Amino acid sequence: MKRFKVKLHGKNFLLNLEGDPKKFGFYTTRFVKAENPQEAEKIAVILTHQNPNLRKTVLNETDDRPKINLEEIKEVSFLKFFAKKSTTDFTFYPEDEE
């Protein structure tokens, strides 16, 4: 089993962060164990989708689904994995309305 650092980019998330629903994107990093990079990406995306704080704040309709894409993935050492494993922060930014 290998250890991976997976950087993800979320887009089109309708959130009510400041009392007025707006579209936001975010960046997040997940540290996961997997057999290969493809499996690591899948696990990281699932973990992000299952984050309870994100799940309870997303207001998107089913026909306007948010997206999570891979930004970067790399294998990391045990020490780096162990030190950073609990990192689950999101960095949100407002998406420009078109």
PDB file of N, CA and C in Angstrom:
ATOM      1  N   MET A   1       0.853  -1.185   0.000  1.00  0.00           N
ATOM      2  CA  MET A   1       0.000   0.000   0.000  1.00  0.00           C
ATOM      3  C   MET A   1       0.896   1.246   0.000  1.00  0.00           C
ATOM      4  N   LYS A   2       0.622   2.152  -0.890  1.00  0.00           N
ATOM      5  CA  LYS A   2       1.402   3.383  -1.008  1.00  0.00           C
ATOM      6  C   LYS A   2       0.655   4.534  -0.340  1.00  0.00           C
ATOM      7  N   ARG A   3       1.371   5.618  -0.098  1.00  0.00           N
ATOM      8  CA  ARG A   3       0.782   6.811   0.521  1.00  0.00           C
ATOM      9  C   ARG A   3       0.847   7.961  -0.475  1.00  0.00           C
ATOM     10  N   PHE A   4      -0.274   8.681  -0.601  1.00  0.00           N
ATOM     11  CA  PHE A   4      -0.352   9.746  -1.595  1.00  0.00           C
ATOM     12  C   PHE A   4      -0.852  11.048  -0.975  1.00  0.00           C
ATOM     13  N   LYS A   5      -0.342  12.145  -1.528  1.00  0.00           N
ATOM     14  CA  LYS A   5      -0.853  13.481  -1.243  1.00  0.00           C
ATOM     15  C   LYS A   5      -1.647  13.879  -2.476  1.00  0.00           C
ATOM     16  N   VAL A   6      -2.948  14.128  -2.297  1.00  0.00           N
ATOM     17  CA  VAL A   6      -3.848  14.407  -3.411  1.00  0.00           C
ATOM     18  C   VAL A   6      -4.421  15.814  -3.247  1.00  0.00           C
ATOM     19  N   LYS A   7      -4.124  16.687  -4.203  1.00  0.00           N
ATOM     20  CA  LYS A   7      -4.684  18.040  -4.197  1.00  0.00           C
ATOM     21  C   LYS A   7      -5.886  18.062  -5.126  1.00  0.00           C
ATOM     22  N   LEU A   8      -7.014  18.560  -4.601  1.00  0.00           N
ATOM     23  CA  LEU A   8      -8.263  18.603  -5.358  1.00  0.00           C
ATOM     24  C   LEU A   8      -8.753  20.030  -5.512  1.00  0.00           C
ATOM     25  N   HIS A   9      -9.532  20.251  -6.584  1.00  0.00           N
ATOM     26  CA  HIS A   9     -10.132  21.555  -6.869  1.00  0.00           C
ATOM     27  C   HIS A   9     -11.629  21.350  -7.055  1.00  0.00           C
ATOM     28  N   GLY A  10     -12.403  21.916  -6.154  1.00  0.00           N
ATOM     29  CA  GLY A  10     -13.857  21.849  -6.259  1.00  0.00           C
ATOM     30  C   GLY A  10     -14.384  23.100  -6.943  1.00  0.00           C
ATOM     31  N   LYS A  11     -15.408  22.917  -7.791  1.00  0.00           N
ATOM     32  CA  LYS A  11     -16.006  24.044  -8.516  1.00  0.00           C
ATOM     33  C   LYS A  11     -17.522  23.931  -8.474  1.00  0.00           C
ATOM     34  N   ASN A  12     -18.184  25.079  -8.607  1.00  0.00           N
ATOM     35  CA  ASN A  12     -19.641  25.140  -8.754  1.00  0.00           C
ATOM     36  C   ASN A  12     -20.389  24.695  -7.491  1.00  0.00           C
ATOM     37  N   PHE A  13     -19.860  25.026  -6.327  1.00  0.00           N
ATOM     38  CA  PHE A  13     -20.526  24.689  -5.077  1.00  0.00           C
ATOM     39  C   PHE A  13     -21.371  25.874  -4.636  1.00  0.00           C
ATOM     40  N   LEU A  14     -22.692  25.687  -4.605  1.00  0.00           N
ATOM     41  CA  LEU A  14     -23.607  26.730  -4.144  1.00  0.00           C
ATOM     42  C   LEU A  14     -23.671  26.634  -2.621  1.00  0.00           C
ATOM     43  N   LEU A  15     -23.114  27.655  -1.951  1.00  0.00           N
ATOM     44  CA  LEU A  15     -23.014  27.650  -0.494  1.00  0.00           C
ATOM     45  C   LEU A  15     -23.578  28.934   0.084  1.00  0.00           C
ATOM     46  N   ASN A  16     -24.114  28.835   1.282  1.00  0.00           N
ATOM     47  CA  ASN A  16     -24.618  30.001   1.994  1.00  0.00           C
ATOM     48  C   ASN A  16     -23.646  30.288   3.135  1.00  0.00           C
ATOM     49  N   LEU A  17     -22.505  30.907   2.800  1.00  0.00           N
ATOM     50  CA  LEU A  17     -21.474  31.170   3.805  1.00  0.00           C
ATOM     51  C   LEU A  17     -21.661  32.506   4.501  1.00  0.00           C
ATOM     52  N   GLU A  18     -22.302  33.457   3.832  1.00  0.00           N
ATOM     53  CA  GLU A  18     -22.421  34.808   4.396  1.00  0.00           C
ATOM     54  C   GLU A  18     -23.860  35.304   4.372  1.00  0.00           C
ATOM     55  N   GLY A  19     -24.834  34.412   4.442  1.00  0.00           N
ATOM     56  CA  GLY A  19     -26.235  34.798   4.465  1.00  0.00           C
ATOM     57  C   GLY A  19     -26.868  34.961   3.099  1.00  0.00           C
ATOM     58  N   ASP A  20     -26.079  34.822   2.037  1.00  0.00           N
ATOM     59  CA  ASP A  20     -26.571  34.970   0.668  1.00  0.00           C
ATOM     60  C   ASP A  20     -25.940  33.866  -0.174  1.00  0.00           C
ATOM     61  N   PRO A  21     -26.738  32.898  -0.653  1.00  0.00           N
ATOM     62  CA  PRO A  21     -26.160  31.784  -1.409  1.00  0.00           C
ATOM     63  C   PRO A  21     -25.388  32.262  -2.643  1.00  0.00           C
ATOM     64  N   LYS A  22     -24.153  31.783  -2.765  1.00  0.00           N
ATOM     65  CA  LYS A  22     -23.298  32.112  -3.905  1.00  0.00           C
ATOM     66  C   LYS A  22     -22.496  30.889  -4.296  1.00  0.00           C
ATOM     67  N   LYS A  23     -21.976  30.918  -5.532  1.00  0.00           N
ATOM     68  CA  LYS A  23     -21.144  29.826  -6.022  1.00  0.00           C
ATOM     69  C   LYS A  23     -19.708  30.024  -5.544  1.00  0.00           C
ATOM     70  N   PHE A  24     -19.152  28.946  -5.027  1.00  0.00           N
ATOM     71  CA  PHE A  24     -17.774  28.950  -4.552  1.00  0.00           C
ATOM     72  C   PHE A  24     -17.012  27.778  -5.153  1.00  0.00           C
ATOM     73  N   GLY A  25     -15.724  27.970  -5.244  1.00  0.00           N
ATOM     74  CA  GLY A  25     -14.807  26.889  -5.553  1.00  0.00           C
ATOM     75  C   GLY A  25     -13.924  26.716  -4.332  1.00  0.00           C
ATOM     76  N   PHE A  26     -13.152  25.634  -4.315  1.00  0.00           N
ATOM     77  CA  PHE A  26     -12.233  25.432  -3.200  1.00  0.00           C
ATOM     78  C   PHE A  26     -11.069  24.557  -3.630  1.00  0.00           C
ATOM     79  N   TYR A  27     -10.036  24.632  -2.837  1.00  0.00           N
ATOM     80  CA  TYR A  27      -8.896  23.725  -2.950  1.00  0.00           C
ATOM     81  C   TYR A  27      -8.785  22.980  -1.631  1.00  0.00           C
ATOM     82  N   THR A  28      -8.416  21.713  -1.706  1.00  0.00           N
ATOM     83  CA  THR A  28      -8.213  20.914  -0.508  1.00  0.00           C
ATOM     84  C   THR A  28      -7.171  19.851  -0.807  1.00  0.00           C
ATOM     85  N   THR A  29      -6.539  19.372   0.230  1.00  0.00           N
ATOM     86  CA  THR A  29      -5.532  18.320   0.100  1.00  0.00           C
ATOM     87  C   THR A  29      -5.926  17.160   0.992  1.00  0.00           C
ATOM     88  N   ARG A  30      -5.812  15.963   0.460  1.00  0.00           N
ATOM     89  CA  ARG A  30      -6.097  14.749   1.214  1.00  0.00           C
ATOM     90  C   ARG A  30      -4.872  13.846   1.167  1.00  0.00           C
ATOM     91  N   PHE A  31      -4.587  13.198   2.287  1.00  0.00           N
ATOM     92  CA  PHE A  31      -3.521  12.200   2.361  1.00  0.00           C
ATOM     93  C   PHE A  31      -4.203  10.845   2.495  1.00  0.00           C
ATOM     94  N   VAL A  32      -3.969   9.963   1.525  1.00  0.00           N
ATOM     95  CA  VAL A  32      -4.660   8.675   1.491  1.00  0.00           C
ATOM     96  C   VAL A  32      -3.676   7.550   1.199  1.00  0.00           C
ATOM     97  N   LYS A  33      -4.075   6.334   1.605  1.00  0.00           N
ATOM     98  CA  LYS A  33      -3.340   5.126   1.251  1.00  0.00           C
ATOM     99  C   LYS A  33      -4.085   4.456   0.107  1.00  0.00           C
ATOM    100  N   ALA A  34      -3.336   4.017  -0.897  1.00  0.00           N
ATOM    101  CA  ALA A  34      -3.952   3.363  -2.048  1.00  0.00           C
ATOM    102  C   ALA A  34      -2.907   2.532  -2.778  1.00  0.00           C
ATOM    103  N   GLU A  35      -3.384   1.665  -3.671  1.00  0.00           N
ATOM    104  CA  GLU A  35      -2.490   0.831  -4.468  1.00  0.00           C
ATOM    105  C   GLU A  35      -1.815   1.613  -5.589  1.00  0.00           C
ATOM    106  N   ASN A  36      -2.533   2.644  -6.120  1.00  0.00           N
ATOM    107  CA  ASN A  36      -2.010   3.395  -7.269  1.00  0.00           C
ATOM    108  C   ASN A  36      -2.628   4.797  -7.271  1.00  0.00           C
ATOM    109  N   PRO A  37      -2.118   5.692  -8.115  1.00  0.00           N
ATOM    110  CA  PRO A  37      -2.640   7.071  -8.151  1.00  0.00           C
ATOM    111  C   PRO A  37      -4.126   7.167  -8.492  1.00  0.00           C
ATOM    112  N   GLN A  38      -4.623   6.312  -9.373  1.00  0.00           N
ATOM    113  CA  GLN A  38      -6.037   6.371  -9.752  1.00  0.00           C
ATOM    114  C   GLN A  38      -6.940   6.045  -8.559  1.00  0.00           C
ATOM    115  N   GLU A  39      -6.557   5.030  -7.805  1.00  0.00           N
ATOM    116  CA  GLU A  39      -7.329   4.666  -6.620  1.00  0.00           C
ATOM    117  C   GLU A  39      -7.231   5.771  -5.564  1.00  0.00           C
ATOM    118  N   ALA A  40      -6.051   6.364  -5.427  1.00  0.00           N
ATOM    119  CA  ALA A  40      -5.864   7.456  -4.468  1.00  0.00           C
ATOM    120  C   ALA A  40      -6.778   8.631  -4.805  1.00  0.00           C
ATOM    121  N   GLU A  41      -6.883   8.962  -6.087  1.00  0.00           N
ATOM    122  CA  GLU A  41      -7.768  10.055  -6.506  1.00  0.00           C
ATOM    123  C   GLU A  41      -9.215   9.749  -6.136  1.00  0.00           C
ATOM    124  N   LYS A  42      -9.669   8.536  -6.439  1.00  0.00           N
ATOM    125  CA  LYS A  42     -11.058   8.149  -6.128  1.00  0.00           C
ATOM    126  C   LYS A  42     -11.334   8.256  -4.629  1.00  0.00           C
ATOM    127  N   ILE A  43     -10.404   7.752  -3.820  1.00  0.00           N
ATOM    128  CA  ILE A  43     -10.591   7.787  -2.370  1.00  0.00           C
ATOM    129  C   ILE A  43     -10.651   9.232  -1.881  1.00  0.00           C
ATOM    130  N   ALA A  44      -9.740  10.072  -2.370  1.00  0.00           N
ATOM    131  CA  ALA A  44      -9.700  11.478  -1.940  1.00  0.00           C
ATOM    132  C   ALA A  44     -10.988  12.213  -2.307  1.00  0.00           C
ATOM    133  N   VAL A  45     -11.509  11.958  -3.503  1.00  0.00           N
ATOM    134  CA  VAL A  45     -12.762  12.603  -3.929  1.00  0.00           C
ATOM    135  C   VAL A  45     -13.925  12.135  -3.052  1.00  0.00           C
ATOM    136  N   ILE A  46     -13.988  10.850  -2.772  1.00  0.00           N
ATOM    137  CA  ILE A  46     -15.056  10.317  -1.915  1.00  0.00           C
ATOM    138  C   ILE A  46     -14.979  10.927  -0.521  1.00  0.00           C
ATOM    139  N   LEU A  47     -13.769  10.990   0.053  1.00  0.00           N
ATOM    140  CA  LEU A  47     -13.607  11.587   1.382  1.00  0.00           C
ATOM    141  C   LEU A  47     -14.057  13.044   1.397  1.00  0.00           C
ATOM    142  N   THR A  48     -13.752  13.764   0.330  1.00  0.00           N
ATOM    143  CA  THR A  48     -14.154  15.170   0.246  1.00  0.00           C
ATOM    144  C   THR A  48     -15.671  15.293   0.148  1.00  0.00           C
ATOM    145  N   HIS A  49     -16.286  14.476  -0.711  1.00  0.00           N
ATOM    146  CA  HIS A  49     -17.751  14.491  -0.837  1.00  0.00           C
ATOM    147  C   HIS A  49     -18.423  14.141   0.483  1.00  0.00           C
ATOM    148  N   GLN A  50     -17.810  13.264   1.270  1.00  0.00           N
ATOM    149  CA  GLN A  50     -18.420  12.800   2.518  1.00  0.00           C
ATOM    150  C   GLN A  50     -18.150  13.715   3.698  1.00  0.00           C
ATOM    151  N   ASN A  51     -17.369  14.768   3.509  1.00  0.00           N
ATOM    152  CA  ASN A  51     -17.080  15.686   4.611  1.00  0.00           C
ATOM    153  C   ASN A  51     -18.404  16.262   5.132  1.00  0.00           C
ATOM    154  N   PRO A  52     -18.736  16.040   6.396  1.00  0.00           N
ATOM    155  CA  PRO A  52     -20.047  16.478   6.906  1.00  0.00           C
ATOM    156  C   PRO A  52     -20.265  17.984   6.830  1.00  0.00           C
ATOM    157  N   ASN A  53     -19.216  18.773   7.061  1.00  0.00           N
ATOM    158  CA  ASN A  53     -19.370  20.229   6.993  1.00  0.00           C
ATOM    159  C   ASN A  53     -19.692  20.686   5.570  1.00  0.00           C
ATOM    160  N   LEU A  54     -19.082  20.051   4.593  1.00  0.00           N
ATOM    161  CA  LEU A  54     -19.363  20.403   3.197  1.00  0.00           C
ATOM    162  C   LEU A  54     -20.751  19.907   2.796  1.00  0.00           C
ATOM    163  N   ARG A  55     -21.074  18.673   3.146  1.00  0.00           N
ATOM    164  CA  ARG A  55     -22.368  18.078   2.769  1.00  0.00           C
ATOM    165  C   ARG A  55     -23.551  18.901   3.262  1.00  0.00           C
ATOM    166  N   LYS A  56     -23.482  19.397   4.494  1.00  0.00           N
ATOM    167  CA  LYS A  56     -24.648  20.086   5.058  1.00  0.00           C
ATOM    168  C   LYS A  56     -24.777  21.522   4.566  1.00  0.00           C
ATOM    169  N   THR A  57     -23.766  22.055   3.876  1.00  0.00           N
ATOM    170  CA  THR A  57     -23.846  23.441   3.410  1.00  0.00           C
ATOM    171  C   THR A  57     -24.070  23.572   1.909  1.00  0.00           C
ATOM    172  N   VAL A  58     -23.929  22.477   1.151  1.00  0.00           N
ATOM    173  CA  VAL A  58     -24.106  22.553  -0.302  1.00  0.00           C
ATOM    174  C   VAL A  58     -25.586  22.651  -0.644  1.00  0.00           C
ATOM    175  N   LEU A  59     -25.941  23.649  -1.476  1.00  0.00           N
ATOM    176  CA  LEU A  59     -27.340  23.915  -1.818  1.00  0.00           C
ATOM    177  C   LEU A  59     -27.668  23.623  -3.282  1.00  0.00           C
ATOM    178  N   ASN A  60     -26.745  23.033  -4.027  1.00  0.00           N
ATOM    179  CA  ASN A  60     -26.960  22.795  -5.458  1.00  0.00           C
ATOM    180  C   ASN A  60     -28.160  21.898  -5.721  1.00  0.00           C
ATOM    181  N   GLU A  61     -28.857  22.207  -6.823  1.00  0.00           N
ATOM    182  CA  GLU A  61     -29.914  21.331  -7.323  1.00  0.00           C
ATOM    183  C   GLU A  61     -29.258  20.162  -8.068  1.00  0.00           C
ATOM    184  N   THR A  62     -30.011  19.086  -8.292  1.00  0.00           N
ATOM    185  CA  THR A  62     -29.429  17.907  -8.938  1.00  0.00           C
ATOM    186  C   THR A  62     -29.016  18.170 -10.384  1.00  0.00           C
ATOM    187  N   ASP A  63     -29.593  19.169 -11.045  1.00  0.00           N
ATOM    188  CA  ASP A  63     -29.223  19.466 -12.428  1.00  0.00           C
ATOM    189  C   ASP A  63     -28.076  20.478 -12.528  1.00  0.00           C
ATOM    190  N   ASP A  64     -27.531  20.891 -11.396  1.00  0.00           N
ATOM    191  CA  ASP A  64     -26.415  21.849 -11.362  1.00  0.00           C
ATOM    192  C   ASP A  64     -25.396  21.349 -10.339  1.00  0.00           C
ATOM    193  N   ARG A  65     -24.853  20.188 -10.620  1.00  0.00           N
ATOM    194  CA  ARG A  65     -23.997  19.512  -9.652  1.00  0.00           C
ATOM    195  C   ARG A  65     -22.619  20.147  -9.543  1.00  0.00           C
ATOM    196  N   PRO A  66     -22.075  20.173  -8.324  1.00  0.00           N
ATOM    197  CA  PRO A  66     -20.696  20.629  -8.156  1.00  0.00           C
ATOM    198  C   PRO A  66     -19.723  19.584  -8.700  1.00  0.00           C
ATOM    199  N   LYS A  67     -18.494  20.019  -8.951  1.00  0.00           N
ATOM    200  CA  LYS A  67     -17.476  19.125  -9.517  1.00  0.00           C
ATOM    201  C   LYS A  67     -16.222  19.172  -8.647  1.00  0.00           C
ATOM    202  N   ILE A  68     -15.546  18.034  -8.560  1.00  0.00           N
ATOM    203  CA  ILE A  68     -14.253  17.965  -7.877  1.00  0.00           C
ATOM    204  C   ILE A  68     -13.269  17.328  -8.842  1.00  0.00           C
ATOM    205  N   ASN A  69     -12.204  18.060  -9.142  1.00  0.00           N
ATOM    206  CA  ASN A  69     -11.203  17.589 -10.097  1.00  0.00           C
ATOM    207  C   ASN A  69      -9.834  17.462  -9.436  1.00  0.00           C
ATOM    208  N   LEU A  70      -9.029  16.577  -9.969  1.00  0.00           N
ATOM    209  CA  LEU A  70      -7.664  16.386  -9.495  1.00  0.00           C
ATOM    210  C   LEU A  70      -6.785  17.525  -9.971  1.00  0.00           C
ATOM    211  N   GLU A  71      -6.038  18.125  -9.054  1.00  0.00           N
ATOM    212  CA  GLU A  71      -5.059  19.162  -9.390  1.00  0.00           C
ATOM    213  C   GLU A  71      -3.658  18.572  -9.448  1.00  0.00           C
ATOM    214  N   GLU A  72      -3.334  17.752  -8.448  1.00  0.00           N
ATOM    215  CA  GLU A  72      -1.991  17.186  -8.352  1.00  0.00           C
ATOM    216  C   GLU A  72      -2.028  15.952  -7.467  1.00  0.00           C
ATOM    217  N   ILE A  73      -1.180  14.984  -7.779  1.00  0.00           N
ATOM    218  CA  ILE A  73      -1.065  13.794  -6.939  1.00  0.00           C
ATOM    219  C   ILE A  73       0.391  13.366  -6.922  1.00  0.00           C
ATOM    220  N   LYS A  74       0.863  13.017  -5.719  1.00  0.00           N
ATOM    221  CA  LYS A  74       2.223  12.488  -5.646  1.00  0.00           C
ATOM    222  C   LYS A  74       2.352  11.560  -4.457  1.00  0.00           C
ATOM    223  N   GLU A  75       3.244  10.599  -4.619  1.00  0.00           N
ATOM    224  CA  GLU A  75       3.516   9.655  -3.546  1.00  0.00           C
ATOM    225  C   GLU A  75       4.376  10.358  -2.496  1.00  0.00           C
ATOM    226  N   VAL A  76       4.101  10.084  -1.216  1.00  0.00           N
ATOM    227  CA  VAL A  76       4.840  10.726  -0.132  1.00  0.00           C
ATOM    228  C   VAL A  76       5.385   9.674   0.828  1.00  0.00           C
ATOM    229  N   SER A  77       6.363  10.080   1.609  1.00  0.00           N
ATOM    230  CA  SER A  77       6.979   9.187   2.592  1.00  0.00           C
ATOM    231  C   SER A  77       6.030   8.953   3.768  1.00  0.00           C
ATOM    232  N   PHE A  78       6.336   7.925   4.546  1.00  0.00           N
ATOM    233  CA  PHE A  78       5.532   7.618   5.730  1.00  0.00           C
ATOM    234  C   PHE A  78       5.509   8.801   6.691  1.00  0.00           C
ATOM    235  N   LEU A  79       6.664   9.411   6.930  1.00  0.00           N
ATOM    236  CA  LEU A  79       6.725  10.521   7.889  1.00  0.00           C
ATOM    237  C   LEU A  79       5.867  11.700   7.454  1.00  0.00           C
ATOM    238  N   LYS A  80       5.943  12.063   6.191  1.00  0.00           N
ATOM    239  CA  LYS A  80       5.129  13.180   5.691  1.00  0.00           C
ATOM    240  C   LYS A  80       3.638  12.814   5.776  1.00  0.00           C
ATOM    241  N   PHE A  81       3.310  11.603   5.392  1.00  0.00           N
ATOM    242  CA  PHE A  81       1.928  11.121   5.461  1.00  0.00           C
ATOM    243  C   PHE A  81       1.417  11.178   6.896  1.00  0.00           C
ATOM    244  N   PHE A  82       2.189  10.642   7.831  1.00  0.00           N
ATOM    245  CA  PHE A  82       1.776  10.586   9.228  1.00  0.00           C
ATOM    246  C   PHE A  82       1.618  11.983   9.820  1.00  0.00           C
ATOM    247  N   ALA A  83       2.525  12.890   9.468  1.00  0.00           N
ATOM    248  CA  ALA A  83       2.489  14.253  10.015  1.00  0.00           C
ATOM    249  C   ALA A  83       1.318  15.060   9.473  1.00  0.00           C
ATOM    250  N   LYS A  84       0.902  14.811   8.232  1.00  0.00           N
ATOM    251  CA  LYS A  84      -0.116  15.641   7.581  1.00  0.00           C
ATOM    252  C   LYS A  84      -1.476  14.966   7.450  1.00  0.00           C
ATOM    253  N   LYS A  85      -1.596  13.709   7.834  1.00  0.00           N
ATOM    254  CA  LYS A  85      -2.805  12.933   7.580  1.00  0.00           C
ATOM    255  C   LYS A  85      -4.087  13.613   8.057  1.00  0.00           C
ATOM    256  N   SER A  86      -4.031  14.353   9.136  1.00  0.00           N
ATOM    257  CA  SER A  86      -5.253  14.950   9.687  1.00  0.00           C
ATOM    258  C   SER A  86      -5.648  16.248   8.982  1.00  0.00           C
ATOM    259  N   THR A  87      -4.875  16.678   8.005  1.00  0.00           N
ATOM    260  CA  THR A  87      -5.187  17.920   7.301  1.00  0.00           C
ATOM    261  C   THR A  87      -6.446  17.735   6.451  1.00  0.00           C
ATOM    262  N   THR A  88      -7.486  18.505   6.745  1.00  0.00           N
ATOM    263  CA  THR A  88      -8.724  18.410   5.971  1.00  0.00           C
ATOM    264  C   THR A  88      -9.289  19.789   5.675  1.00  0.00           C
ATOM    265  N   ASP A  89      -8.446  20.794   5.686  1.00  0.00           N
ATOM    266  CA  ASP A  89      -8.920  22.156   5.476  1.00  0.00           C
ATOM    267  C   ASP A  89      -9.351  22.395   4.035  1.00  0.00           C
ATOM    268  N   PHE A  90     -10.303  23.293   3.889  1.00  0.00           N
ATOM    269  CA  PHE A  90     -10.742  23.757   2.581  1.00  0.00           C
ATOM    270  C   PHE A  90     -10.326  25.218   2.446  1.00  0.00           C
ATOM    271  N   THR A  91      -9.894  25.612   1.276  1.00  0.00           N
ATOM    272  CA  THR A  91      -9.637  27.017   0.984  1.00  0.00           C
ATOM    273  C   THR A  91     -10.659  27.437  -0.058  1.00  0.00           C
ATOM    274  N   PHE A  92     -11.678  28.185   0.372  1.00  0.00           N
ATOM    275  CA  PHE A  92     -12.765  28.592  -0.521  1.00  0.00           C
ATOM    276  C   PHE A  92     -12.452  29.913  -1.206  1.00  0.00           C
ATOM    277  N   TYR A  93     -13.005  30.087  -2.396  1.00  0.00           N
ATOM    278  CA  TYR A  93     -12.938  31.370  -3.115  1.00  0.00           C
ATOM    279  C   TYR A  93     -14.260  31.564  -3.848  1.00  0.00           C
ATOM    280  N   PRO A  94     -14.728  32.816  -3.966  1.00  0.00           N
ATOM    281  CA  PRO A  94     -15.989  33.058  -4.696  1.00  0.00           C
ATOM    282  C   PRO A  94     -15.777  32.906  -6.199  1.00  0.00           C
ATOM    283  N   GLU A  95     -16.704  32.218  -6.845  1.00  0.00           N
ATOM    284  CA  GLU A  95     -16.665  32.111  -8.303  1.00  0.00           C
ATOM    285  C   GLU A  95     -17.365  33.312  -8.894  1.00  0.00           C
ATOM    286  N   ASP A  96     -16.821  33.850  -9.963  1.00  0.00           N
ATOM    287  CA  ASP A  96     -17.442  35.009 -10.606  1.00  0.00           C
ATOM    288  C   ASP A  96     -18.736  34.605 -11.286  1.00  0.00           C
ATOM    289  N   GLU A  97     -19.771  35.385 -11.071  1.00  0.00           N
ATOM    290  CA  GLU A  97     -21.046  35.138 -11.746  1.00  0.00           C
ATOM    291  C   GLU A  97     -20.939  35.615 -13.189  1.00  0.00           C
ATOM    292  N   GLU A  98     -21.478  34.810 -14.086  1.00  0.00           N
ATOM    293  CA  GLU A  98     -21.409  35.185 -15.511  1.00  0.00           C
ATOM    294  C   GLU A  98     -22.693  35.835 -15.952  1.00  0.00           C
TER     295      GLU A  98
END
